[in-house]
Amino acid sequence: MRRKKQWDGEKYSDPKKAIEYLNNAIKLQPNNAETYTKRGGTYYDLGQYQQAVEDYNKVVILKPDYKDAYNKRGATYLMLGNKELGCPDLKKACSLGDCKLLELAKGKELCR
């Protein structure tokens, strides 16, 4: 489940520099869900899935109704081979109005 890199077109084209930038932004605004979402996406793009999950966990705490966070965390769990956590997240995103990834996962027989 690859997707467009979070850092394309942003201030930095180097994902490691983007993480440094986002780390600084988080220090300044530790409750900004969007910054955690971007950093999680950058970690995902780098294949650092556990770090991505940690950022998406923070997003879900800050914005429990943010369907994108559930989709991204669910997709990341699936990349880690964890259907038990990935599928419920995709179902939660679907219940919030975005069923696209859940349907894709069902089509690939990853979720029921």
N, C-alpha and C. Protein backbone atom coordinates (compact mmCIF):
# COMPACT_ATOMS: atom_id res chain seq x y z
N MET A 1 0.83 -1.17 0.00
CA MET A 1 0.00 0.00 0.00
C MET A 1 0.88 1.25 0.00
N ARG A 2 1.55 1.49 -1.10
CA ARG A 2 2.41 2.67 -1.22
C ARG A 2 1.54 3.89 -1.50
N ARG A 3 2.04 5.02 -1.15
CA ARG A 3 1.32 6.25 -1.39
C ARG A 3 2.32 7.36 -1.66
N LYS A 4 1.82 8.49 -2.04
CA LYS A 4 2.68 9.64 -2.32
C LYS A 4 3.44 10.02 -1.06
N LYS A 5 4.70 10.33 -1.22
CA LYS A 5 5.53 10.70 -0.09
C LYS A 5 5.03 12.00 0.54
N GLN A 6 4.96 12.01 1.87
CA GLN A 6 4.49 13.18 2.61
C GLN A 6 5.35 14.41 2.35
N TRP A 7 6.62 14.21 2.12
CA TRP A 7 7.53 15.34 2.06
C TRP A 7 7.70 15.88 0.65
N ASP A 8 7.06 15.31 -0.37
CA ASP A 8 7.13 15.85 -1.73
C ASP A 8 6.54 17.25 -1.74
N GLY A 9 7.28 18.18 -2.30
CA GLY A 9 6.77 19.54 -2.42
C GLY A 9 6.82 20.33 -1.12
N GLU A 10 7.27 19.73 -0.06
CA GLU A 10 7.38 20.44 1.22
C GLU A 10 8.71 21.18 1.27
N LYS A 11 9.05 21.69 2.40
CA LYS A 11 10.25 22.49 2.56
C LYS A 11 11.51 21.67 2.23
N TYR A 12 11.52 20.41 2.58
CA TYR A 12 12.68 19.55 2.34
C TYR A 12 12.30 18.41 1.42
N SER A 13 13.19 18.10 0.47
CA SER A 13 12.95 16.94 -0.39
C SER A 13 13.65 15.71 0.16
N ASP A 14 14.55 15.87 1.10
CA ASP A 14 15.25 14.77 1.75
C ASP A 14 14.43 14.35 2.97
N PRO A 15 13.96 13.09 3.00
CA PRO A 15 13.08 12.69 4.11
C PRO A 15 13.74 12.80 5.48
N LYS A 16 15.04 12.59 5.56
CA LYS A 16 15.70 12.72 6.87
C LYS A 16 15.72 14.17 7.34
N LYS A 17 15.89 15.10 6.41
CA LYS A 17 15.80 16.51 6.75
C LYS A 17 14.37 16.87 7.14
N ALA A 18 13.42 16.27 6.44
CA ALA A 18 12.01 16.52 6.75
C ALA A 18 11.71 16.09 8.18
N ILE A 19 12.25 14.95 8.59
CA ILE A 19 12.02 14.47 9.96
C ILE A 19 12.62 15.45 10.97
N GLU A 20 13.81 15.97 10.68
CA GLU A 20 14.42 16.97 11.57
C GLU A 20 13.51 18.19 11.69
N TYR A 21 13.03 18.66 10.56
CA TYR A 21 12.13 19.82 10.52
C TYR A 21 10.86 19.53 11.33
N LEU A 22 10.27 18.36 11.11
CA LEU A 22 9.03 18.00 11.81
C LEU A 22 9.27 17.80 13.30
N ASN A 23 10.43 17.25 13.67
CA ASN A 23 10.78 17.12 15.09
C ASN A 23 10.78 18.49 15.76
N ASN A 24 11.39 19.47 15.08
CA ASN A 24 11.42 20.83 15.63
C ASN A 24 10.01 21.42 15.73
N ALA A 25 9.20 21.17 14.71
CA ALA A 25 7.83 21.67 14.74
C ALA A 25 7.04 21.06 15.90
N ILE A 26 7.27 19.77 16.16
CA ILE A 26 6.58 19.09 17.26
C ILE A 26 7.03 19.67 18.61
N LYS A 27 8.31 20.03 18.72
CA LYS A 27 8.78 20.65 19.96
C LYS A 27 8.06 21.98 20.21
N LEU A 28 7.82 22.71 19.13
CA LEU A 28 7.15 24.01 19.26
C LEU A 28 5.65 23.88 19.49
N GLN A 29 5.04 22.87 18.84
CA GLN A 29 3.59 22.66 18.96
C GLN A 29 3.32 21.16 19.18
N PRO A 30 3.50 20.69 20.40
CA PRO A 30 3.40 19.25 20.67
C PRO A 30 2.00 18.66 20.51
N ASN A 31 0.99 19.48 20.34
CA ASN A 31 -0.37 18.96 20.19
C ASN A 31 -0.92 19.17 18.79
N ASN A 32 -0.05 19.37 17.81
CA ASN A 32 -0.45 19.57 16.43
C ASN A 32 -0.53 18.21 15.72
N ALA A 33 -1.73 17.71 15.55
CA ALA A 33 -1.94 16.38 14.96
C ALA A 33 -1.40 16.30 13.54
N GLU A 34 -1.53 17.37 12.77
CA GLU A 34 -1.08 17.36 11.38
C GLU A 34 0.43 17.12 11.27
N THR A 35 1.19 17.69 12.19
CA THR A 35 2.65 17.51 12.17
C THR A 35 3.00 16.04 12.44
N TYR A 36 2.32 15.43 13.40
CA TYR A 36 2.55 14.00 13.66
C TYR A 36 2.15 13.16 12.44
N THR A 37 1.07 13.57 11.78
CA THR A 37 0.64 12.84 10.59
C THR A 37 1.71 12.91 9.50
N LYS A 38 2.26 14.09 9.28
CA LYS A 38 3.31 14.24 8.26
C LYS A 38 4.56 13.46 8.63
N ARG A 39 4.95 13.53 9.90
CA ARG A 39 6.15 12.79 10.30
C ARG A 39 5.91 11.29 10.20
N GLY A 40 4.71 10.85 10.60
CA GLY A 40 4.38 9.43 10.46
C GLY A 40 4.45 8.98 9.00
N GLY A 41 3.95 9.82 8.11
CA GLY A 41 4.02 9.49 6.68
C GLY A 41 5.44 9.43 6.16
N THR A 42 6.29 10.30 6.68
CA THR A 42 7.69 10.27 6.26
C THR A 42 8.38 9.02 6.79
N TYR A 43 8.11 8.66 8.05
CA TYR A 43 8.65 7.40 8.57
C TYR A 43 8.16 6.22 7.73
N TYR A 44 6.89 6.24 7.38
CA TYR A 44 6.33 5.17 6.54
C TYR A 44 7.09 5.07 5.22
N ASP A 45 7.31 6.21 4.58
CA ASP A 45 8.02 6.23 3.30
C ASP A 45 9.44 5.70 3.42
N LEU A 46 10.03 5.87 4.60
CA LEU A 46 11.38 5.37 4.84
C LEU A 46 11.39 3.90 5.26
N GLY A 47 10.20 3.31 5.40
CA GLY A 47 10.11 1.91 5.84
C GLY A 47 10.28 1.75 7.34
N GLN A 48 10.21 2.85 8.07
CA GLN A 48 10.32 2.81 9.53
C GLN A 48 8.91 2.77 10.12
N TYR A 49 8.30 1.60 9.94
CA TYR A 49 6.87 1.45 10.22
C TYR A 49 6.52 1.59 11.70
N GLN A 50 7.37 1.11 12.58
CA GLN A 50 7.05 1.22 14.00
C GLN A 50 7.01 2.68 14.45
N GLN A 51 7.95 3.49 13.95
CA GLN A 51 7.93 4.91 14.28
C GLN A 51 6.68 5.58 13.70
N ALA A 52 6.29 5.15 12.50
CA ALA A 52 5.07 5.69 11.89
C ALA A 52 3.86 5.38 12.77
N VAL A 53 3.77 4.14 13.24
CA VAL A 53 2.65 3.74 14.11
C VAL A 53 2.62 4.61 15.36
N GLU A 54 3.78 4.86 15.95
CA GLU A 54 3.83 5.68 17.16
C GLU A 54 3.28 7.08 16.90
N ASP A 55 3.64 7.65 15.74
CA ASP A 55 3.10 8.97 15.41
C ASP A 55 1.61 8.92 15.16
N TYR A 56 1.14 7.90 14.46
CA TYR A 56 -0.31 7.79 14.22
C TYR A 56 -1.07 7.54 15.52
N ASN A 57 -0.45 6.82 16.46
CA ASN A 57 -1.07 6.65 17.78
C ASN A 57 -1.30 8.01 18.43
N LYS A 58 -0.31 8.88 18.33
CA LYS A 58 -0.43 10.23 18.91
C LYS A 58 -1.54 11.01 18.23
N VAL A 59 -1.63 10.88 16.90
CA VAL A 59 -2.68 11.58 16.16
C VAL A 59 -4.06 11.14 16.63
N VAL A 60 -4.24 9.83 16.80
CA VAL A 60 -5.54 9.30 17.23
C VAL A 60 -5.90 9.81 18.63
N ILE A 61 -4.90 9.99 19.47
CA ILE A 61 -5.16 10.55 20.81
C ILE A 61 -5.58 12.01 20.68
N LEU A 62 -4.87 12.76 19.84
CA LEU A 62 -5.16 14.19 19.68
C LEU A 62 -6.46 14.45 18.94
N LYS A 63 -6.76 13.61 17.93
CA LYS A 63 -7.97 13.80 17.10
C LYS A 63 -8.63 12.44 16.89
N PRO A 64 -9.40 11.97 17.87
CA PRO A 64 -9.97 10.63 17.78
C PRO A 64 -10.96 10.42 16.64
N ASP A 65 -11.40 11.48 15.99
CA ASP A 65 -12.34 11.33 14.87
C ASP A 65 -11.66 11.58 13.51
N TYR A 66 -10.34 11.53 13.48
CA TYR A 66 -9.58 11.81 12.26
C TYR A 66 -9.40 10.53 11.45
N LYS A 67 -10.27 10.34 10.46
CA LYS A 67 -10.29 9.09 9.70
C LYS A 67 -8.97 8.80 9.00
N ASP A 68 -8.26 9.83 8.57
CA ASP A 68 -7.00 9.64 7.87
C ASP A 68 -5.97 8.96 8.77
N ALA A 69 -5.96 9.30 10.04
CA ALA A 69 -5.02 8.68 10.98
C ALA A 69 -5.29 7.18 11.12
N TYR A 70 -6.56 6.81 11.18
CA TYR A 70 -6.90 5.39 11.28
C TYR A 70 -6.51 4.65 10.00
N ASN A 71 -6.75 5.27 8.85
CA ASN A 71 -6.36 4.64 7.59
C ASN A 71 -4.85 4.45 7.52
N LYS A 72 -4.11 5.49 7.87
CA LYS A 72 -2.65 5.42 7.78
C LYS A 72 -2.09 4.42 8.79
N ARG A 73 -2.62 4.43 10.01
CA ARG A 73 -2.13 3.47 10.99
C ARG A 73 -2.51 2.06 10.59
N GLY A 74 -3.73 1.88 10.09
CA GLY A 74 -4.15 0.56 9.63
C GLY A 74 -3.28 0.05 8.50
N ALA A 75 -3.00 0.89 7.52
CA ALA A 75 -2.14 0.49 6.40
C ALA A 75 -0.73 0.15 6.89
N THR A 76 -0.26 0.90 7.86
CA THR A 76 1.08 0.63 8.41
C THR A 76 1.10 -0.70 9.14
N TYR A 77 0.07 -0.97 9.94
CA TYR A 77 -0.01 -2.27 10.60
C TYR A 77 -0.03 -3.40 9.58
N LEU A 78 -0.77 -3.21 8.50
CA LEU A 78 -0.81 -4.25 7.46
C LEU A 78 0.57 -4.44 6.83
N MET A 79 1.32 -3.36 6.65
CA MET A 79 2.69 -3.49 6.13
C MET A 79 3.57 -4.29 7.09
N LEU A 80 3.25 -4.20 8.38
CA LEU A 80 3.98 -4.97 9.39
C LEU A 80 3.45 -6.40 9.50
N GLY A 81 2.41 -6.72 8.73
CA GLY A 81 1.83 -8.05 8.76
C GLY A 81 0.86 -8.26 9.90
N ASN A 82 0.39 -7.18 10.51
CA ASN A 82 -0.49 -7.27 11.66
C ASN A 82 -1.93 -6.94 11.27
N LYS A 83 -2.65 -7.97 10.83
CA LYS A 83 -4.06 -7.79 10.45
C LYS A 83 -4.95 -7.53 11.66
N GLU A 84 -4.57 -8.08 12.82
CA GLU A 84 -5.38 -7.95 14.02
C GLU A 84 -5.52 -6.49 14.45
N LEU A 85 -4.52 -5.67 14.17
CA LEU A 85 -4.61 -4.25 14.50
C LEU A 85 -4.92 -3.40 13.27
N GLY A 86 -4.47 -3.83 12.11
CA GLY A 86 -4.67 -3.06 10.89
C GLY A 86 -6.12 -3.01 10.44
N CYS A 87 -6.76 -4.16 10.41
CA CYS A 87 -8.15 -4.21 9.92
C CYS A 87 -9.13 -3.41 10.78
N PRO A 88 -9.04 -3.49 12.11
CA PRO A 88 -9.94 -2.65 12.91
C PRO A 88 -9.75 -1.15 12.67
N ASP A 89 -8.51 -0.74 12.43
CA ASP A 89 -8.28 0.67 12.13
C ASP A 89 -8.94 1.06 10.81
N LEU A 90 -8.82 0.21 9.79
CA LEU A 90 -9.46 0.50 8.51
C LEU A 90 -10.98 0.51 8.66
N LYS A 91 -11.50 -0.36 9.50
CA LYS A 91 -12.95 -0.38 9.76
C LYS A 91 -13.38 0.89 10.49
N LYS A 92 -12.55 1.38 11.40
CA LYS A 92 -12.86 2.62 12.12
C LYS A 92 -12.88 3.79 11.14
N ALA A 93 -11.90 3.84 10.23
CA ALA A 93 -11.87 4.90 9.22
C ALA A 93 -13.13 4.82 8.36
N CYS A 94 -13.54 3.62 8.04
CA CYS A 94 -14.75 3.43 7.23
C CYS A 94 -15.98 3.94 8.00
N SER A 95 -16.04 3.66 9.28
CA SER A 95 -17.18 4.13 10.08
C SER A 95 -17.20 5.65 10.17
N LEU A 96 -16.02 6.28 9.95
CA LEU A 96 -15.92 7.73 9.96
C LEU A 96 -16.13 8.33 8.57
N GLY A 97 -16.34 7.44 7.57
CA GLY A 97 -16.70 7.94 6.25
C GLY A 97 -15.73 7.66 5.12
N ASP A 98 -14.62 6.99 5.38
CA ASP A 98 -13.66 6.69 4.30
C ASP A 98 -13.39 5.19 4.26
N CYS A 99 -14.03 4.52 3.31
CA CYS A 99 -13.94 3.06 3.20
C CYS A 99 -12.99 2.58 2.11
N LYS A 100 -12.31 3.50 1.44
CA LYS A 100 -11.49 3.14 0.29
C LYS A 100 -10.41 2.10 0.63
N LEU A 101 -9.64 2.33 1.69
CA LEU A 101 -8.56 1.39 2.03
C LEU A 101 -9.11 0.07 2.56
N LEU A 102 -10.20 0.13 3.29
CA LEU A 102 -10.81 -1.11 3.78
C LEU A 102 -11.25 -1.97 2.60
N GLU A 103 -11.88 -1.37 1.62
CA GLU A 103 -12.32 -2.13 0.44
C GLU A 103 -11.12 -2.71 -0.31
N LEU A 104 -10.05 -1.93 -0.41
CA LEU A 104 -8.83 -2.43 -1.06
C LEU A 104 -8.25 -3.61 -0.28
N ALA A 105 -8.20 -3.49 1.04
CA ALA A 105 -7.69 -4.58 1.87
C ALA A 105 -8.56 -5.82 1.78
N LYS A 106 -9.88 -5.61 1.69
CA LYS A 106 -10.78 -6.76 1.53
C LYS A 106 -10.55 -7.41 0.17
N GLY A 107 -10.33 -6.62 -0.87
CA GLY A 107 -10.07 -7.15 -2.20
C GLY A 107 -8.80 -7.96 -2.26
N LYS A 108 -7.84 -7.63 -1.41
CA LYS A 108 -6.57 -8.37 -1.34
C LYS A 108 -6.63 -9.47 -0.28
N GLU A 109 -7.82 -9.68 0.28
CA GLU A 109 -8.08 -10.68 1.30
C GLU A 109 -7.23 -10.49 2.55
N LEU A 110 -6.96 -9.22 2.87
CA LEU A 110 -6.23 -8.91 4.09
C LEU A 110 -7.19 -8.70 5.26
N CYS A 111 -8.38 -8.19 4.95
CA CYS A 111 -9.40 -7.93 5.98
C CYS A 111 -10.73 -8.54 5.49
N ARG A 112 -11.60 -8.80 6.46
CA ARG A 112 -12.94 -9.28 6.13
C ARG A 112 -13.96 -8.23 6.36
